[in-house]
PDB file of all heavy atoms in Angstrom:
ATOM      1  N   ASP A   1      27.359  15.266  14.496  1.00  0.00           N
ATOM      2  CA  ASP A   1      26.200  15.896  13.864  1.00  0.00           C
ATOM      3  C   ASP A   1      26.562  16.722  12.640  1.00  0.00           C
ATOM      4  O   ASP A   1      25.697  17.354  12.043  1.00  0.00           O
ATOM      5  CB  ASP A   1      25.405  16.737  14.867  1.00  0.00           C
ATOM      6  CG  ASP A   1      26.220  17.848  15.495  1.00  0.00           C
ATOM      7  OD1 ASP A   1      27.439  17.888  15.277  1.00  0.00           O
ATOM      8  OD2 ASP A   1      25.626  18.671  16.208  1.00  0.00           O
ATOM      9  N   ILE A   2      27.830  16.698  12.255  1.00  0.00           N
ATOM     10  CA  ILE A   2      28.268  17.426  11.064  1.00  0.00           C
ATOM     11  C   ILE A   2      28.620  16.463   9.932  1.00  0.00           C
ATOM     12  O   ILE A   2      28.197  16.644   8.801  1.00  0.00           O
ATOM     13  CB  ILE A   2      29.474  18.336  11.392  1.00  0.00           C
ATOM     14  CG1 ILE A   2      29.047  19.390  12.419  1.00  0.00           C
ATOM     15  CG2 ILE A   2      30.035  18.982  10.142  1.00  0.00           C
ATOM     16  CD1 ILE A   2      30.187  20.154  13.026  1.00  0.00           C
ATOM     17  N   GLU A   3      29.387  15.456  10.265  1.00  0.00           N
ATOM     18  CA  GLU A   3      29.759  14.446   9.273  1.00  0.00           C
ATOM     19  C   GLU A   3      28.894  13.217   9.497  1.00  0.00           C
ATOM     20  O   GLU A   3      29.016  12.542  10.513  1.00  0.00           O
ATOM     21  CB  GLU A   3      31.235  14.087   9.404  1.00  0.00           C
ATOM     22  CG  GLU A   3      32.163  15.244   9.089  1.00  0.00           C
ATOM     23  CD  GLU A   3      33.625  14.894   9.322  1.00  0.00           C
ATOM     24  OE1 GLU A   3      33.979  13.711   9.226  1.00  0.00           O
ATOM     25  OE2 GLU A   3      34.392  15.817   9.613  1.00  0.00           O
ATOM     26  N   PHE A   4      27.999  12.947   8.551  1.00  0.00           N
ATOM     27  CA  PHE A   4      27.100  11.807   8.679  1.00  0.00           C
ATOM     28  C   PHE A   4      26.891  11.180   7.307  1.00  0.00           C
ATOM     29  O   PHE A   4      27.167  11.797   6.283  1.00  0.00           O
ATOM     30  CB  PHE A   4      25.761  12.210   9.302  1.00  0.00           C
ATOM     31  CG  PHE A   4      25.081  13.348   8.576  1.00  0.00           C
ATOM     32  CD1 PHE A   4      24.233  13.103   7.503  1.00  0.00           C
ATOM     33  CD2 PHE A   4      25.293  14.663   8.959  1.00  0.00           C
ATOM     34  CE1 PHE A   4      23.624  14.131   6.831  1.00  0.00           C
ATOM     35  CE2 PHE A   4      24.678  15.707   8.297  1.00  0.00           C
ATOM     36  CZ  PHE A   4      23.837  15.444   7.215  1.00  0.00           C
ATOM     37  N   ASP A   5      26.411   9.968   7.305  1.00  0.00           N
ATOM     38  CA  ASP A   5      26.142   9.236   6.075  1.00  0.00           C
ATOM     39  C   ASP A   5      24.757   9.640   5.575  1.00  0.00           C
ATOM     40  O   ASP A   5      23.741   9.175   6.102  1.00  0.00           O
ATOM     41  CB  ASP A   5      26.220   7.734   6.356  1.00  0.00           C
ATOM     42  CG  ASP A   5      25.972   6.868   5.138  1.00  0.00           C
ATOM     43  OD1 ASP A   5      25.455   7.376   4.114  1.00  0.00           O
ATOM     44  OD2 ASP A   5      26.285   5.667   5.210  1.00  0.00           O
ATOM     45  N   LYS A   6      24.727  10.505   4.586  1.00  0.00           N
ATOM     46  CA  LYS A   6      23.448  11.029   4.100  1.00  0.00           C
ATOM     47  C   LYS A   6      22.549   9.916   3.577  1.00  0.00           C
ATOM     48  O   LYS A   6      21.334   9.946   3.792  1.00  0.00           O
ATOM     49  CB  LYS A   6      23.663  12.083   3.013  1.00  0.00           C
ATOM     50  CG  LYS A   6      22.367  12.747   2.586  1.00  0.00           C
ATOM     51  CD  LYS A   6      22.602  13.900   1.635  1.00  0.00           C
ATOM     52  CE  LYS A   6      21.287  14.530   1.238  1.00  0.00           C
ATOM     53  NZ  LYS A   6      21.486  15.656   0.314  1.00  0.00           N
ATOM     54  N   GLN A   7      23.107   8.929   2.904  1.00  0.00           N
ATOM     55  CA  GLN A   7      22.293   7.829   2.376  1.00  0.00           C
ATOM     56  C   GLN A   7      21.621   7.068   3.515  1.00  0.00           C
ATOM     57  O   GLN A   7      20.444   6.718   3.425  1.00  0.00           O
ATOM     58  CB  GLN A   7      23.133   6.880   1.515  1.00  0.00           C
ATOM     59  CG  GLN A   7      22.312   5.803   0.826  1.00  0.00           C
ATOM     60  CD  GLN A   7      21.205   6.352  -0.059  1.00  0.00           C
ATOM     61  OE1 GLN A   7      21.388   7.341  -0.771  1.00  0.00           O
ATOM     62  NE2 GLN A   7      20.041   5.737  -0.014  1.00  0.00           N
ATOM     63  N   ALA A   8      22.342   6.836   4.593  1.00  0.00           N
ATOM     64  CA  ALA A   8      21.756   6.161   5.757  1.00  0.00           C
ATOM     65  C   ALA A   8      20.637   7.009   6.362  1.00  0.00           C
ATOM     66  O   ALA A   8      19.587   6.490   6.746  1.00  0.00           O
ATOM     67  CB  ALA A   8      22.827   5.861   6.801  1.00  0.00           C
ATOM     68  N   VAL A   9      20.856   8.315   6.438  1.00  0.00           N
ATOM     69  CA  VAL A   9      19.833   9.226   6.954  1.00  0.00           C
ATOM     70  C   VAL A   9      18.579   9.151   6.091  1.00  0.00           C
ATOM     71  O   VAL A   9      17.457   9.043   6.605  1.00  0.00           O
ATOM     72  CB  VAL A   9      20.369  10.679   7.022  1.00  0.00           C
ATOM     73  CG1 VAL A   9      19.247  11.668   7.298  1.00  0.00           C
ATOM     74  CG2 VAL A   9      21.459  10.792   8.081  1.00  0.00           C
ATOM     75  N   LEU A  10      18.753   9.186   4.779  1.00  0.00           N
ATOM     76  CA  LEU A  10      17.606   9.141   3.872  1.00  0.00           C
ATOM     77  C   LEU A  10      16.831   7.830   3.992  1.00  0.00           C
ATOM     78  O   LEU A  10      15.599   7.820   3.936  1.00  0.00           O
ATOM     79  CB  LEU A  10      18.062   9.367   2.433  1.00  0.00           C
ATOM     80  CG  LEU A  10      18.681  10.730   2.135  1.00  0.00           C
ATOM     81  CD1 LEU A  10      19.111  10.820   0.675  1.00  0.00           C
ATOM     82  CD2 LEU A  10      17.741  11.861   2.495  1.00  0.00           C
ATOM     83  N   GLU A  11      17.545   6.733   4.170  1.00  0.00           N
ATOM     84  CA  GLU A  11      16.872   5.432   4.321  1.00  0.00           C
ATOM     85  C   GLU A  11      16.064   5.378   5.608  1.00  0.00           C
ATOM     86  O   GLU A  11      14.932   4.893   5.617  1.00  0.00           O
ATOM     87  CB  GLU A  11      17.892   4.297   4.243  1.00  0.00           C
ATOM     88  CG  GLU A  11      18.407   4.109   2.831  1.00  0.00           C
ATOM     89  CD  GLU A  11      19.369   2.952   2.687  1.00  0.00           C
ATOM     90  OE1 GLU A  11      19.450   2.094   3.601  1.00  0.00           O
ATOM     91  OE2 GLU A  11      20.046   2.896   1.644  1.00  0.00           O
ATOM     92  N   GLU A  12      16.620   5.877   6.692  1.00  0.00           N
ATOM     93  CA  GLU A  12      15.887   5.877   7.960  1.00  0.00           C
ATOM     94  C   GLU A  12      14.712   6.856   7.913  1.00  0.00           C
ATOM     95  O   GLU A  12      13.634   6.572   8.431  1.00  0.00           O
ATOM     96  CB  GLU A  12      16.811   6.185   9.132  1.00  0.00           C
ATOM     97  CG  GLU A  12      17.906   5.154   9.360  1.00  0.00           C
ATOM     98  CD  GLU A  12      17.398   3.731   9.547  1.00  0.00           C
ATOM     99  OE1 GLU A  12      16.247   3.519   9.952  1.00  0.00           O
ATOM    100  OE2 GLU A  12      18.187   2.799   9.275  1.00  0.00           O
ATOM    101  N   LEU A  13      14.914   8.009   7.290  1.00  0.00           N
ATOM    102  CA  LEU A  13      13.828   8.968   7.124  1.00  0.00           C
ATOM    103  C   LEU A  13      12.691   8.349   6.312  1.00  0.00           C
ATOM    104  O   LEU A  13      11.512   8.507   6.657  1.00  0.00           O
ATOM    105  CB  LEU A  13      14.352  10.235   6.444  1.00  0.00           C
ATOM    106  CG  LEU A  13      13.336  11.333   6.157  1.00  0.00           C
ATOM    107  CD1 LEU A  13      12.689  11.830   7.449  1.00  0.00           C
ATOM    108  CD2 LEU A  13      14.016  12.478   5.414  1.00  0.00           C
ATOM    109  N   ALA A  14      13.038   7.624   5.268  1.00  0.00           N
ATOM    110  CA  ALA A  14      12.024   6.941   4.460  1.00  0.00           C
ATOM    111  C   ALA A  14      11.260   5.923   5.292  1.00  0.00           C
ATOM    112  O   ALA A  14      10.030   5.803   5.161  1.00  0.00           O
ATOM    113  CB  ALA A  14      12.674   6.266   3.249  1.00  0.00           C
ATOM    114  N   ASP A  15      11.951   5.195   6.163  1.00  0.00           N
ATOM    115  CA  ASP A  15      11.273   4.223   7.029  1.00  0.00           C
ATOM    116  C   ASP A  15      10.272   4.919   7.949  1.00  0.00           C
ATOM    117  O   ASP A  15       9.139   4.445   8.112  1.00  0.00           O
ATOM    118  CB  ASP A  15      12.290   3.446   7.880  1.00  0.00           C
ATOM    119  CG  ASP A  15      13.080   2.428   7.082  1.00  0.00           C
ATOM    120  OD1 ASP A  15      12.649   2.049   5.978  1.00  0.00           O
ATOM    121  OD2 ASP A  15      14.153   2.005   7.576  1.00  0.00           O
ATOM    122  N   VAL A  16      10.677   6.032   8.554  1.00  0.00           N
ATOM    123  CA  VAL A  16       9.780   6.785   9.439  1.00  0.00           C
ATOM    124  C   VAL A  16       8.550   7.241   8.659  1.00  0.00           C
ATOM    125  O   VAL A  16       7.408   7.057   9.098  1.00  0.00           O
ATOM    126  CB  VAL A  16      10.502   7.998  10.073  1.00  0.00           C
ATOM    127  CG1 VAL A  16       9.518   8.888  10.821  1.00  0.00           C
ATOM    128  CG2 VAL A  16      11.620   7.542  11.004  1.00  0.00           C
ATOM    129  N   MET A  17       8.783   7.819   7.503  1.00  0.00           N
ATOM    130  CA  MET A  17       7.681   8.351   6.705  1.00  0.00           C
ATOM    131  C   MET A  17       6.758   7.239   6.204  1.00  0.00           C
ATOM    132  O   MET A  17       5.533   7.398   6.174  1.00  0.00           O
ATOM    133  CB  MET A  17       8.233   9.177   5.555  1.00  0.00           C
ATOM    134  CG  MET A  17       8.956  10.421   6.059  1.00  0.00           C
ATOM    135  SD  MET A  17       9.826  11.342   4.796  1.00  0.00           S
ATOM    136  CE  MET A  17       8.441  12.105   3.972  1.00  0.00           C
ATOM    137  N   ASN A  18       7.340   6.102   5.851  1.00  0.00           N
ATOM    138  CA  ASN A  18       6.547   4.964   5.398  1.00  0.00           C
ATOM    139  C   ASN A  18       5.572   4.534   6.496  1.00  0.00           C
ATOM    140  O   ASN A  18       4.372   4.360   6.246  1.00  0.00           O
ATOM    141  CB  ASN A  18       7.495   3.814   5.017  1.00  0.00           C
ATOM    142  CG  ASN A  18       6.796   2.616   4.429  1.00  0.00           C
ATOM    143  OD1 ASN A  18       5.677   2.277   4.792  1.00  0.00           O
ATOM    144  ND2 ASN A  18       7.473   1.946   3.523  1.00  0.00           N
ATOM    145  N   TYR A  19       6.072   4.384   7.711  1.00  0.00           N
ATOM    146  CA  TYR A  19       5.190   3.988   8.809  1.00  0.00           C
ATOM    147  C   TYR A  19       4.166   5.071   9.130  1.00  0.00           C
ATOM    148  O   TYR A  19       3.026   4.764   9.501  1.00  0.00           O
ATOM    149  CB  TYR A  19       5.997   3.615  10.057  1.00  0.00           C
ATOM    150  CG  TYR A  19       6.594   2.230   9.980  1.00  0.00           C
ATOM    151  CD1 TYR A  19       7.971   2.040  10.104  1.00  0.00           C
ATOM    152  CD2 TYR A  19       5.797   1.106   9.797  1.00  0.00           C
ATOM    153  CE1 TYR A  19       8.524   0.765  10.036  1.00  0.00           C
ATOM    154  CE2 TYR A  19       6.346  -0.167   9.723  1.00  0.00           C
ATOM    155  CZ  TYR A  19       7.705  -0.328   9.846  1.00  0.00           C
ATOM    156  OH  TYR A  19       8.255  -1.594   9.782  1.00  0.00           O
ATOM    157  N   CYS A  20       4.539   6.332   8.987  1.00  0.00           N
ATOM    158  CA  CYS A  20       3.566   7.413   9.211  1.00  0.00           C
ATOM    159  C   CYS A  20       2.443   7.359   8.177  1.00  0.00           C
ATOM    160  O   CYS A  20       1.262   7.533   8.516  1.00  0.00           O
ATOM    161  CB  CYS A  20       4.259   8.774   9.177  1.00  0.00           C
ATOM    162  SG  CYS A  20       5.316   9.094  10.598  1.00  0.00           S
ATOM    163  N   ILE A  21       2.803   7.113   6.938  1.00  0.00           N
ATOM    164  CA  ILE A  21       1.783   6.980   5.893  1.00  0.00           C
ATOM    165  C   ILE A  21       0.878   5.795   6.195  1.00  0.00           C
ATOM    166  O   ILE A  21      -0.350   5.886   6.087  1.00  0.00           O
ATOM    167  CB  ILE A  21       2.437   6.854   4.501  1.00  0.00           C
ATOM    168  CG1 ILE A  21       3.061   8.190   4.101  1.00  0.00           C
ATOM    169  CG2 ILE A  21       1.426   6.385   3.459  1.00  0.00           C
ATOM    170  CD1 ILE A  21       3.965   8.122   2.879  1.00  0.00           C
ATOM    171  N   GLN A  22       1.474   4.675   6.615  1.00  0.00           N
ATOM    172  CA  GLN A  22       0.659   3.506   6.952  1.00  0.00           C
ATOM    173  C   GLN A  22      -0.286   3.802   8.114  1.00  0.00           C
ATOM    174  O   GLN A  22      -1.437   3.369   8.107  1.00  0.00           O
ATOM    175  CB  GLN A  22       1.551   2.312   7.284  1.00  0.00           C
ATOM    176  CG  GLN A  22       2.258   1.750   6.064  1.00  0.00           C
ATOM    177  CD  GLN A  22       3.086   0.548   6.404  1.00  0.00           C
ATOM    178  OE1 GLN A  22       2.556  -0.477   6.820  1.00  0.00           O
ATOM    179  NE2 GLN A  22       4.400   0.650   6.225  1.00  0.00           N
ATOM    180  N   MET A  23       0.196   4.546   9.106  1.00  0.00           N
ATOM    181  CA  MET A  23      -0.652   4.905  10.245  1.00  0.00           C
ATOM    182  C   MET A  23      -1.836   5.729   9.763  1.00  0.00           C
ATOM    183  O   MET A  23      -2.973   5.498  10.192  1.00  0.00           O
ATOM    184  CB  MET A  23       0.163   5.679  11.284  1.00  0.00           C
ATOM    185  CG  MET A  23      -0.661   6.200  12.441  1.00  0.00           C
ATOM    186  SD  MET A  23      -1.096   4.961  13.672  1.00  0.00           S
ATOM    187  CE  MET A  23       0.306   5.108  14.749  1.00  0.00           C
ATOM    188  N   SER A  24      -1.592   6.675   8.869  1.00  0.00           N
ATOM    189  CA  SER A  24      -2.696   7.493   8.366  1.00  0.00           C
ATOM    190  C   SER A  24      -3.705   6.642   7.610  1.00  0.00           C
ATOM    191  O   SER A  24      -4.909   6.889   7.678  1.00  0.00           O
ATOM    192  CB  SER A  24      -2.168   8.630   7.477  1.00  0.00           C
ATOM    193  OG  SER A  24      -1.758   8.165   6.211  1.00  0.00           O
ATOM    194  N   GLN A  25      -3.230   5.632   6.917  1.00  0.00           N
ATOM    195  CA  GLN A  25      -4.137   4.744   6.181  1.00  0.00           C
ATOM    196  C   GLN A  25      -4.960   3.879   7.141  1.00  0.00           C
ATOM    197  O   GLN A  25      -6.166   3.719   6.961  1.00  0.00           O
ATOM    198  CB  GLN A  25      -3.349   3.870   5.202  1.00  0.00           C
ATOM    199  CG  GLN A  25      -2.786   4.665   4.041  1.00  0.00           C
ATOM    200  CD  GLN A  25      -1.918   3.821   3.133  1.00  0.00           C
ATOM    201  OE1 GLN A  25      -0.881   3.294   3.548  1.00  0.00           O
ATOM    202  NE2 GLN A  25      -2.325   3.693   1.887  1.00  0.00           N
ATOM    203  N   VAL A  26      -4.323   3.339   8.151  1.00  0.00           N
ATOM    204  CA  VAL A  26      -5.024   2.503   9.125  1.00  0.00           C
ATOM    205  C   VAL A  26      -6.084   3.311   9.872  1.00  0.00           C
ATOM    206  O   VAL A  26      -7.183   2.825  10.141  1.00  0.00           O
ATOM    207  CB  VAL A  26      -4.024   1.846  10.113  1.00  0.00           C
ATOM    208  CG1 VAL A  26      -4.735   1.253  11.313  1.00  0.00           C
ATOM    209  CG2 VAL A  26      -3.208   0.769   9.399  1.00  0.00           C
ATOM    210  N   LEU A  27      -5.761   4.559  10.180  1.00  0.00           N
ATOM    211  CA  LEU A  27      -6.699   5.427  10.896  1.00  0.00           C
ATOM    212  C   LEU A  27      -7.699   6.097   9.953  1.00  0.00           C
ATOM    213  O   LEU A  27      -8.594   6.808  10.411  1.00  0.00           O
ATOM    214  CB  LEU A  27      -5.933   6.488  11.692  1.00  0.00           C
ATOM    215  CG  LEU A  27      -5.041   5.965  12.807  1.00  0.00           C
ATOM    216  CD1 LEU A  27      -4.268   7.111  13.441  1.00  0.00           C
ATOM    217  CD2 LEU A  27      -5.837   5.198  13.847  1.00  0.00           C
ATOM    218  N   ASP A  28      -7.516   5.876   8.660  1.00  0.00           N
ATOM    219  CA  ASP A  28      -8.391   6.437   7.623  1.00  0.00           C
ATOM    220  C   ASP A  28      -8.475   7.954   7.729  1.00  0.00           C
ATOM    221  O   ASP A  28      -9.563   8.523   7.836  1.00  0.00           O
ATOM    222  CB  ASP A  28      -9.778   5.798   7.676  1.00  0.00           C
ATOM    223  CG  ASP A  28     -10.611   6.106   6.434  1.00  0.00           C
ATOM    224  OD1 ASP A  28     -10.017   6.330   5.367  1.00  0.00           O
ATOM    225  OD2 ASP A  28     -11.852   6.139   6.549  1.00  0.00           O
ATOM    226  N   VAL A  29      -7.313   8.585   7.737  1.00  0.00           N
ATOM    227  CA  VAL A  29      -7.251  10.045   7.779  1.00  0.00           C
ATOM    228  C   VAL A  29      -6.426  10.547   6.603  1.00  0.00           C
ATOM    229  O   VAL A  29      -5.535   9.851   6.096  1.00  0.00           O
ATOM    230  CB  VAL A  29      -6.648  10.567   9.109  1.00  0.00           C
ATOM    231  CG1 VAL A  29      -7.548  10.221  10.276  1.00  0.00           C
ATOM    232  CG2 VAL A  29      -5.247  10.046   9.344  1.00  0.00           C
ATOM    233  N   ASP A  30      -6.722  11.761   6.192  1.00  0.00           N
ATOM    234  CA  ASP A  30      -5.993  12.420   5.116  1.00  0.00           C
ATOM    235  C   ASP A  30      -4.747  13.049   5.714  1.00  0.00           C
ATOM    236  O   ASP A  30      -4.837  13.974   6.532  1.00  0.00           O
ATOM    237  CB  ASP A  30      -6.894  13.472   4.478  1.00  0.00           C
ATOM    238  CG  ASP A  30      -6.236  14.210   3.331  1.00  0.00           C
ATOM    239  OD1 ASP A  30      -5.015  14.480   3.392  1.00  0.00           O
ATOM    240  OD2 ASP A  30      -6.955  14.536   2.364  1.00  0.00           O
ATOM    241  N   ILE A  31      -3.593  12.557   5.322  1.00  0.00           N
ATOM    242  CA  ILE A  31      -2.332  12.999   5.914  1.00  0.00           C
ATOM    243  C   ILE A  31      -2.094  14.491   5.677  1.00  0.00           C
ATOM    244  O   ILE A  31      -1.600  15.196   6.563  1.00  0.00           O
ATOM    245  CB  ILE A  31      -1.158  12.121   5.412  1.00  0.00           C
ATOM    246  CG1 ILE A  31       0.046  12.257   6.335  1.00  0.00           C
ATOM    247  CG2 ILE A  31      -0.803  12.405   3.975  1.00  0.00           C
ATOM    248  CD1 ILE A  31       1.088  11.190   6.138  1.00  0.00           C
ATOM    249  N   VAL A  32      -2.450  14.994   4.515  1.00  0.00           N
ATOM    250  CA  VAL A  32      -2.280  16.415   4.225  1.00  0.00           C
ATOM    251  C   VAL A  32      -3.187  17.249   5.119  1.00  0.00           C
ATOM    252  O   VAL A  32      -2.768  18.269   5.683  1.00  0.00           O
ATOM    253  CB  VAL A  32      -2.537  16.708   2.724  1.00  0.00           C
ATOM    254  CG1 VAL A  32      -2.521  18.196   2.447  1.00  0.00           C
ATOM    255  CG2 VAL A  32      -1.517  15.978   1.854  1.00  0.00           C
ATOM    256  N   GLU A  33      -4.407  16.788   5.308  1.00  0.00           N
ATOM    257  CA  GLU A  33      -5.363  17.516   6.155  1.00  0.00           C
ATOM    258  C   GLU A  33      -4.906  17.581   7.606  1.00  0.00           C
ATOM    259  O   GLU A  33      -4.955  18.637   8.229  1.00  0.00           O
ATOM    260  CB  GLU A  33      -6.740  16.850   6.067  1.00  0.00           C
ATOM    261  CG  GLU A  33      -7.809  17.553   6.854  1.00  0.00           C
ATOM    262  CD  GLU A  33      -9.157  16.858   6.749  1.00  0.00           C
ATOM    263  OE1 GLU A  33      -9.500  16.382   5.657  1.00  0.00           O
ATOM    264  OE2 GLU A  33      -9.846  16.796   7.784  1.00  0.00           O
ATOM    265  N   ILE A  34      -4.445  16.463   8.143  1.00  0.00           N
ATOM    266  CA  ILE A  34      -4.051  16.481   9.558  1.00  0.00           C
ATOM    267  C   ILE A  34      -2.786  17.306   9.779  1.00  0.00           C
ATOM    268  O   ILE A  34      -2.634  17.954  10.811  1.00  0.00           O
ATOM    269  CB  ILE A  34      -3.926  15.064  10.169  1.00  0.00           C
ATOM    270  CG1 ILE A  34      -2.808  14.249   9.519  1.00  0.00           C
ATOM    271  CG2 ILE A  34      -5.256  14.323  10.114  1.00  0.00           C
ATOM    272  CD1 ILE A  34      -2.510  12.929  10.200  1.00  0.00           C
ATOM    273  N   ILE A  35      -1.881  17.312   8.797  1.00  0.00           N
ATOM    274  CA  ILE A  35      -0.682  18.141   8.933  1.00  0.00           C
ATOM    275  C   ILE A  35      -1.061  19.611   8.857  1.00  0.00           C
ATOM    276  O   ILE A  35      -0.566  20.432   9.639  1.00  0.00           O
ATOM    277  CB  ILE A  35       0.379  17.762   7.882  1.00  0.00           C
ATOM    278  CG1 ILE A  35       0.947  16.372   8.204  1.00  0.00           C
ATOM    279  CG2 ILE A  35       1.500  18.809   7.838  1.00  0.00           C
ATOM    280  CD1 ILE A  35       1.861  15.796   7.136  1.00  0.00           C
ATOM    281  N   ASN A  36      -1.960  19.957   7.948  1.00  0.00           N
ATOM    282  CA  ASN A  36      -2.400  21.352   7.848  1.00  0.00           C
ATOM    283  C   ASN A  36      -3.112  21.812   9.116  1.00  0.00           C
ATOM    284  O   ASN A  36      -2.888  22.938   9.582  1.00  0.00           O
ATOM    285  CB  ASN A  36      -3.286  21.564   6.622  1.00  0.00           C
ATOM    286  CG  ASN A  36      -2.472  21.776   5.366  1.00  0.00           C
ATOM    287  OD1 ASN A  36      -1.441  22.440   5.389  1.00  0.00           O
ATOM    288  ND2 ASN A  36      -2.928  21.214   4.270  1.00  0.00           N
ATOM    289  N   LYS A  37      -3.939  20.956   9.698  1.00  0.00           N
ATOM    290  CA  LYS A  37      -4.617  21.316  10.955  1.00  0.00           C
ATOM    291  C   LYS A  37      -3.601  21.551  12.070  1.00  0.00           C
ATOM    292  O   LYS A  37      -3.723  22.488  12.853  1.00  0.00           O
ATOM    293  CB  LYS A  37      -5.608  20.231  11.372  1.00  0.00           C
ATOM    294  CG  LYS A  37      -6.900  20.258  10.617  1.00  0.00           C
ATOM    295  CD  LYS A  37      -7.859  19.202  11.138  1.00  0.00           C
ATOM    296  CE  LYS A  37      -9.183  19.243  10.397  1.00  0.00           C
ATOM    297  NZ  LYS A  37     -10.109  18.205  10.871  1.00  0.00           N
ATOM    298  N   LYS A  38      -2.601  20.704  12.141  1.00  0.00           N
ATOM    299  CA  LYS A  38      -1.565  20.858  13.163  1.00  0.00           C
ATOM    300  C   LYS A  38      -0.748  22.117  12.903  1.00  0.00           C
ATOM    301  O   LYS A  38      -0.389  22.839  13.849  1.00  0.00           O
ATOM    302  CB  LYS A  38      -0.657  19.616  13.200  1.00  0.00           C
ATOM    303  CG  LYS A  38       0.423  19.675  14.246  1.00  0.00           C
ATOM    304  CD  LYS A  38      -0.131  19.753  15.655  1.00  0.00           C
ATOM    305  CE  LYS A  38       1.000  19.743  16.670  1.00  0.00           C
ATOM    306  NZ  LYS A  38       0.523  19.715  18.042  1.00  0.00           N
ATOM    307  N   MET A  39      -0.464  22.424  11.652  1.00  0.00           N
ATOM    308  CA  MET A  39       0.258  23.655  11.322  1.00  0.00           C
ATOM    309  C   MET A  39      -0.546  24.882  11.749  1.00  0.00           C
ATOM    310  O   MET A  39       0.024  25.840  12.281  1.00  0.00           O
ATOM    311  CB  MET A  39       0.559  23.726   9.821  1.00  0.00           C
ATOM    312  CG  MET A  39       1.681  22.810   9.355  1.00  0.00           C
ATOM    313  SD  MET A  39       3.282  23.106  10.143  1.00  0.00           S
ATOM    314  CE  MET A  39       3.556  24.825   9.748  1.00  0.00           C
TER     315      MET A  39
END
């Protein structure tokens, strides 16, 4: 958990975020609004 491949981390993080954005689009919700409500 100290020495890791940052580029690999960024690529996987991008994949997670990409699918999250797609989910918000499919559900027709404003991603900023739902995050603010949860916050």
